[in-house]
Protein backbone atom coordinates (compact mmCIF):
# COMPACT_ATOMS: atom_id res chain seq x y z
CA MET A 1 -0.03 0.07 0.13
CA ALA A 2 1.28 3.50 -0.85
CA LYS A 3 2.19 5.89 1.94
CA LYS A 4 -0.10 8.59 2.78
CA ILE A 5 1.13 11.82 1.84
CA CYS A 6 1.46 15.01 4.11
CA VAL A 7 2.73 18.55 2.96
CA ILE A 8 4.25 20.82 5.84
CA THR A 9 4.77 24.17 5.20
CA GLY A 10 7.88 26.08 6.78
CA ALA A 11 9.13 22.73 7.82
CA ASN A 12 12.98 23.56 7.68
CA SER A 13 13.10 24.19 11.71
CA GLY A 14 11.22 24.42 14.67
CA ILE A 15 7.69 22.89 15.23
CA GLY A 16 7.53 22.22 11.35
CA LYS A 17 10.58 20.18 11.17
CA ALA A 18 9.88 18.51 14.67
CA ALA A 19 6.25 17.21 12.96
CA ALA A 20 8.01 16.05 9.78
CA VAL A 21 10.05 13.74 11.77
CA GLN A 22 7.02 12.56 13.91
CA ILE A 23 4.91 12.00 10.90
CA ASN A 24 7.33 10.44 8.92
CA GLN A 25 7.69 8.23 11.94
CA ALA A 26 3.79 7.42 11.64
CA GLY A 27 4.33 6.14 8.15
CA PHE A 28 3.57 9.00 6.20
CA HIS A 29 5.57 10.39 3.02
CA VAL A 30 6.32 14.07 4.27
CA ILE A 31 6.92 16.78 1.84
CA LEU A 32 8.90 19.95 3.24
CA ALA A 33 7.46 22.71 1.87
CA CYS A 34 10.03 25.51 2.26
CA ARG A 35 10.89 28.94 1.06
CA ASN A 36 14.84 28.57 1.45
CA PRO A 37 16.29 26.35 -0.54
CA SER A 38 19.61 26.12 1.15
CA ARG A 39 17.80 25.80 4.67
CA GLY A 40 15.37 23.26 3.19
CA GLU A 41 17.98 21.12 2.02
CA ALA A 42 19.55 21.22 5.51
CA ALA A 43 16.51 20.28 7.05
CA LEU A 44 15.63 17.53 4.63
CA GLU A 45 19.18 15.97 5.54
CA GLU A 46 18.30 16.49 9.22
CA VAL A 47 15.03 14.57 8.91
CA ARG A 48 16.02 11.69 6.89
CA ALA A 49 19.21 11.06 9.27
CA GLU A 50 16.84 11.26 12.21
CA THR A 51 13.98 9.14 10.75
CA ARG A 52 16.36 6.67 8.84
CA SER A 53 13.56 7.13 6.17
CA ASP A 54 13.61 8.35 2.62
CA ALA A 55 10.14 8.91 2.71
CA VAL A 56 10.65 12.77 2.98
CA GLU A 57 11.37 14.96 0.33
CA LEU A 58 11.84 19.01 -0.27
CA MET A 59 9.63 21.18 -2.37
CA ILE A 60 10.16 24.94 -2.37
CA VAL A 61 7.33 27.49 -2.16
CA ASP A 62 7.29 30.92 -0.96
CA LEU A 63 3.93 31.53 0.76
CA SER A 64 4.39 35.44 0.16
CA LEU A 65 3.68 34.91 -3.34
CA GLN A 66 0.73 33.59 -5.39
CA ALA A 67 3.04 32.81 -8.30
CA SER A 68 5.10 30.61 -6.08
CA ILE A 69 2.03 28.65 -4.59
CA ARG A 70 0.59 28.14 -7.87
CA GLN A 71 3.88 26.79 -9.34
CA PHE A 72 3.87 24.59 -6.09
CA ALA A 73 0.48 23.40 -6.61
CA ASN A 74 1.40 22.36 -10.28
CA GLU A 75 4.36 20.70 -9.54
CA PHE A 76 2.79 18.34 -6.74
CA GLN A 77 -0.14 17.49 -8.83
CA ALA A 78 2.16 16.59 -11.93
CA LYS A 79 3.73 14.32 -9.23
CA TYR A 80 1.09 13.15 -6.78
CA GLU A 81 -2.69 12.10 -7.51
CA SER A 82 -3.80 12.53 -3.93
CA LEU A 83 -3.05 14.35 -0.50
CA ASP A 84 -3.69 13.05 2.90
CA VAL A 85 -2.72 15.92 4.96
CA LEU A 86 -1.98 19.65 4.50
CA ILE A 87 -0.34 21.68 7.50
CA HIS A 88 0.02 25.28 7.10
CA ASN A 89 2.95 25.73 9.45
CA ALA A 90 4.67 28.49 7.58
CA ALA A 91 4.44 32.18 9.16
CA ALA A 92 6.20 35.34 8.96
CA PHE A 93 6.81 37.09 12.38
CA ASP A 94 10.16 38.78 12.84
CA VAL A 95 10.12 40.31 16.25
CA THR A 96 12.61 42.85 15.27
CA GLN A 97 10.88 44.25 12.17
CA ASN A 98 9.99 48.07 12.63
CA GLU A 99 8.67 48.63 8.91
CA LYS A 100 6.16 47.09 6.90
CA LEU A 101 7.19 44.88 3.92
CA ILE A 102 5.85 44.53 0.85
CA THR A 103 6.12 41.65 -1.64
CA GLY A 104 6.86 41.70 -4.97
CA GLU A 105 3.33 41.14 -5.89
CA GLY A 106 2.58 44.39 -3.70
CA VAL A 107 0.97 43.06 -0.54
CA GLU A 108 2.09 43.26 2.89
CA CYS A 109 4.22 40.55 3.70
CA ILE A 110 2.67 39.19 6.94
CA TRP A 111 -0.86 39.13 5.68
CA ALA A 112 0.29 37.57 2.19
CA THR A 113 2.25 34.90 4.09
CA ASN A 114 0.04 33.93 6.84
CA HIS A 115 -3.39 34.01 5.63
CA ILE A 116 -3.90 34.83 1.90
CA GLY A 117 -1.14 32.12 1.23
CA PRO A 118 -2.61 29.27 3.13
CA VAL A 119 -6.07 29.76 1.50
CA LEU A 120 -4.59 29.92 -1.70
CA LEU A 121 -2.77 26.71 -1.25
CA THR A 122 -5.73 24.99 0.16
CA GLY A 123 -7.71 25.86 -2.84
CA LEU A 124 -5.32 24.79 -5.32
CA LEU A 125 -4.68 21.40 -3.66
CA MET A 126 -8.41 20.57 -2.88
CA GLU A 127 -8.82 18.13 -5.71
CA PRO A 128 -5.80 16.04 -4.38
CA LEU A 129 -7.41 16.22 -0.86
CA LYS A 130 -10.34 15.20 -2.16
CA GLN A 131 -8.98 12.18 -3.82
CA SER A 132 -7.69 11.04 -0.32
CA GLN A 133 -9.76 8.47 1.70
CA GLN A 134 -9.84 10.99 4.33
CA GLY A 135 -8.08 14.39 3.37
CA ARG A 136 -7.14 16.92 6.56
CA VAL A 137 -6.45 20.44 6.52
CA ILE A 138 -4.46 22.07 9.53
CA THR A 139 -4.27 25.65 10.23
CA VAL A 140 -2.13 27.23 12.80
CA SER A 141 -2.87 30.18 15.05
CA SER A 142 -1.35 31.62 18.26
CA LYS A 143 -2.15 31.36 21.95
CA GLY A 144 -0.82 34.95 21.91
CA LEU A 145 -4.47 35.98 20.58
CA ILE A 146 -5.73 35.58 24.29
CA VAL A 147 -3.89 38.96 24.73
CA TYR A 148 -5.89 40.53 21.99
CA PRO A 149 -9.54 39.39 23.10
CA PHE A 150 -11.32 42.31 21.13
CA LEU A 151 -8.87 42.25 18.17
CA LYS A 152 -10.67 42.43 14.60
CA VAL A 153 -9.41 41.82 11.21
CA ASP A 154 -9.54 45.35 9.65
CA LEU A 155 -11.81 44.66 6.47
CA GLU A 156 -10.86 48.26 5.41
CA ASP A 157 -6.92 48.34 5.84
CA PRO A 158 -5.65 44.82 6.48
CA GLU A 159 -2.32 45.87 4.97
CA PHE A 160 -1.69 48.82 7.33
CA LYS A 161 -1.83 51.28 4.43
CA GLY A 162 -3.56 54.04 6.51
CA ARG A 163 -2.61 53.07 9.97
CA LYS A 164 0.63 52.70 11.91
CA PHE A 165 2.48 49.44 11.43
CA SER A 166 2.91 46.88 13.79
CA VAL A 167 4.41 43.32 13.50
CA GLN A 168 2.51 42.27 16.34
CA LYS A 169 -1.12 43.47 15.32
CA ALA A 170 -0.05 42.38 11.58
CA TYR A 171 0.96 39.13 13.10
CA TYR A 172 -2.39 38.43 15.20
CA GLN A 173 -4.47 39.87 12.77
CA SER A 174 -3.44 37.28 10.38
CA LYS A 175 -3.62 34.55 12.70
CA LEU A 176 -7.06 35.71 13.85
CA ALA A 177 -8.24 35.47 10.02
CA GLN A 178 -6.61 31.73 9.93
CA VAL A 179 -9.03 30.67 12.59
CA MET A 180 -11.95 32.15 10.87
CA TYR A 181 -10.65 30.78 7.61
CA THR A 182 -11.13 27.37 9.26
CA TYR A 183 -14.46 27.70 10.31
CA TRP A 184 -15.47 28.69 7.03
CA LEU A 185 -13.85 25.88 5.17
CA ALA A 186 -14.96 23.36 7.74
CA ASP A 187 -18.47 24.43 6.98
CA GLU A 188 -17.87 24.44 3.17
CA LEU A 189 -16.30 21.01 3.12
CA LYS A 190 -19.02 19.19 5.63
CA ASP A 191 -20.47 17.27 3.01
CA SER A 192 -17.10 15.96 2.00
CA ASN A 193 -14.27 13.78 3.17
CA ILE A 194 -12.20 16.67 4.26
CA THR A 195 -11.62 18.00 7.64
CA ALA A 196 -10.38 21.44 8.77
CA ASN A 197 -8.91 22.03 12.05
CA CYS A 198 -6.74 24.72 13.74
CA ILE A 199 -4.32 24.39 16.31
CA ARG A 200 -3.31 27.39 18.84
CA VAL A 201 0.13 27.35 19.36
CA ALA A 202 1.77 27.94 22.72
CA ASN A 203 5.14 29.68 23.42
CA VAL A 204 7.76 27.61 22.09
CA LYS A 205 11.34 27.59 22.39
CA ILE A 206 13.40 29.14 19.59
CA ASP A 207 16.87 29.30 18.65
CA ILE A 208 16.97 33.19 19.04
CA ASP A 209 20.41 33.51 17.82
CA ALA A 210 19.83 31.87 14.84
CA ARG A 211 16.06 33.19 14.27
CA TYR A 212 16.86 37.03 15.29
CA PRO A 213 20.76 37.36 15.14
CA THR A 214 20.25 41.41 15.67
CA THR A 215 18.38 41.24 18.71
CA SER A 216 19.67 43.24 21.78
CA LYS A 217 21.00 42.00 24.78
CA ILE A 218 17.99 43.24 26.65
CA ALA A 219 15.65 41.36 24.77
CA ARG A 220 17.68 38.40 24.58
CA SER A 221 17.07 38.54 28.70
CA MET A 222 13.88 38.77 28.44
CA TYR A 223 13.40 35.89 25.83
CA ALA A 224 15.63 33.96 28.33
CA ILE A 225 12.72 34.42 31.05
CA LYS A 226 10.07 33.63 28.81
CA SER A 227 11.73 30.55 27.33
CA SER A 228 11.98 29.24 31.03
CA PHE A 229 7.92 28.56 30.63
CA SER A 230 7.99 27.48 27.12
CA ILE A 231 7.71 24.04 25.68
CA SER A 232 9.86 22.28 23.13
CA PRO A 233 9.04 22.03 19.30
CA GLU A 234 8.39 18.42 19.59
CA GLN A 235 6.21 18.80 22.62
CA MET A 236 3.87 21.16 20.36
CA ALA A 237 4.58 19.02 17.27
CA GLU A 238 2.62 16.46 19.20
CA THR A 239 -0.66 18.09 18.34
CA TYR A 240 0.09 18.55 14.97
CA THR A 241 0.91 14.75 14.93
CA TYR A 242 -2.34 13.97 16.56
CA LEU A 243 -4.55 15.70 14.09
CA ALA A 244 -2.46 14.64 11.24
CA VAL A 245 -2.43 10.68 11.97
CA SER A 246 -4.95 10.16 14.55
CA ASP A 247 -8.20 8.12 13.86
CA GLN A 248 -10.04 9.68 16.85
CA VAL A 249 -10.19 12.78 15.00
CA SER A 250 -11.15 11.62 11.39
CA GLU A 251 -14.80 12.95 11.56
CA THR A 252 -13.31 15.84 13.93
CA THR A 253 -13.81 19.51 11.77
CA GLY A 254 -13.99 23.21 12.46
CA LYS A 255 -12.48 22.97 16.01
CA TYR A 256 -9.62 24.89 17.66
CA PHE A 257 -7.11 22.78 19.40
CA ASP A 258 -4.94 23.81 22.45
CA ASP A 259 -3.13 20.31 22.47
CA PRO A 260 -4.55 16.90 21.41
CA THR A 261 -7.01 16.67 24.57
CA HIS A 262 -8.16 20.16 24.93
CA ILE A 263 -10.50 21.86 22.26
CA VAL A 264 -10.81 25.59 23.03
CA ASP A 265 -13.11 28.66 21.96
CA SER A 266 -11.79 31.51 20.11
CA SER A 267 -13.23 34.89 20.75
CA LYS A 268 -16.81 35.93 19.99
CA TYR A 269 -16.03 38.04 17.13
CA SER A 270 -14.20 35.06 15.45
CA ARG A 271 -17.19 32.70 15.90
CA ASP A 272 -19.73 35.11 14.36
CA GLN A 273 -21.05 34.10 10.90
CA GLU A 274 -21.32 37.54 9.59
CA ASN A 275 -17.77 38.14 10.34
CA ILE A 276 -16.73 35.46 9.15
CA LYS A 277 -18.14 35.97 5.82
CA GLN A 278 -16.94 39.40 5.56
CA VAL A 279 -13.25 38.10 6.22
CA MET A 280 -13.70 35.56 3.53
CA VAL A 281 -15.13 38.18 1.06
CA LEU A 282 -11.87 40.21 1.77
CA THR A 283 -9.67 37.18 1.07
CA LYS A 284 -11.24 36.17 -2.17
CA LYS A 285 -10.55 39.71 -3.36
CA TYR A 286 -6.79 39.26 -2.99
CA LEU A 287 -7.00 35.83 -4.84
CA GLN A 288 -9.06 37.40 -7.55
CA GLN A 289 -6.47 40.37 -7.97
CA GLN A 290 -3.71 37.99 -8.55
CA ALA A 291 -5.45 35.63 -10.69
CA ASP A 292 -6.56 38.49 -13.22
């Protein structure tokens, strides 16, 4: 029997790489969908060495660029007929970023990478997901949204064109939009063989020297304190793996997971059907603009 296939975006480090190891060890063929070729190759070697498996491969995609996403989807479908699990792990969030960055396609980078990109990729891989016996789409949000209980997606200015840019606000807005997209997608696919669930990622230890080499000494000291209360990437990846492979959630959809045993609520705003509809109308405008 052919191995089931799992695509993990942003799998070159941290939780994504840890999940790639765990899901491969569960018997899946895992595709590391990474933006940076050299980092992706290094991660590929590490995952293969740790799993002692050749059922791991690298494919390149930049989630901030719709052209790159479309190319990735075409390359995937030229090679594979079905897709069993799609995990949207890649995200842009550089805590040292002070100025807004614009992609080559003219969209604010965090909004493009963290929300528009995953929505587009899911849509382009919908047919392979339908060919799976039971397809699964897993989106990723953040426990940090708890700090912003009244946050809303700015329907008029999601890219901070007319308001002061904040990397934190941009990031959490994009993650809020992903939660709402998950609810919408689960409803859209309720009569299909595909489920859609979201993970609320907690504080996870990172290599701050590698990730943010220009961070100040004060910030590093603050992170050291925060890190003492953080979990490891491998621990957080257990929730990814559970949602990807467990038979216990084969019919679970439209849920927000804190860990494998706890389903939590998102904000009241994010659960409102009219708000979800408005966010998806906005999202589709971005997809249509590039398609045209």
